[in-house]
Amino acid sequence: MSNILFIKQSLLEEVESNKQGNLSIDRILTLKNGLSYRLEPAVLIGEELANNKKGDTYKGLILTEDEIKERGYDLYMDTIIIKDYVFKITDGFKATLVD
């Protein structure tokens, strides 16, 4: 099991409404199975819009807002611009397993 997951906002809402987990004020999601994750606002990088195979190395990356700023990437609506590539993104959270 990976120590880092991406959780879409809709999934987080579903987990809470179905009482499968609880989100604390300090952004710790504790699931019924006992696992806890620290959540940070983030995006998941999806398909490259020009279908350029050289951009595939970025697909699937989970980047927090701070990481986007540090790397100098630009967000625009539902896309992210990385170097010469434009990717679709999904908003959500980077979930890091808490020991």
Foldseek 3Di string as FASTA:
>chain_A
DDQKDWDAPVNVVVCVVVVQWDADPQQWIAGPVGWIWRKAKWKAWADWPVNDVVPVVRHGDIGGPVRCVVQVWDDDDQWIDDPPIITGIGITIIIGIDD
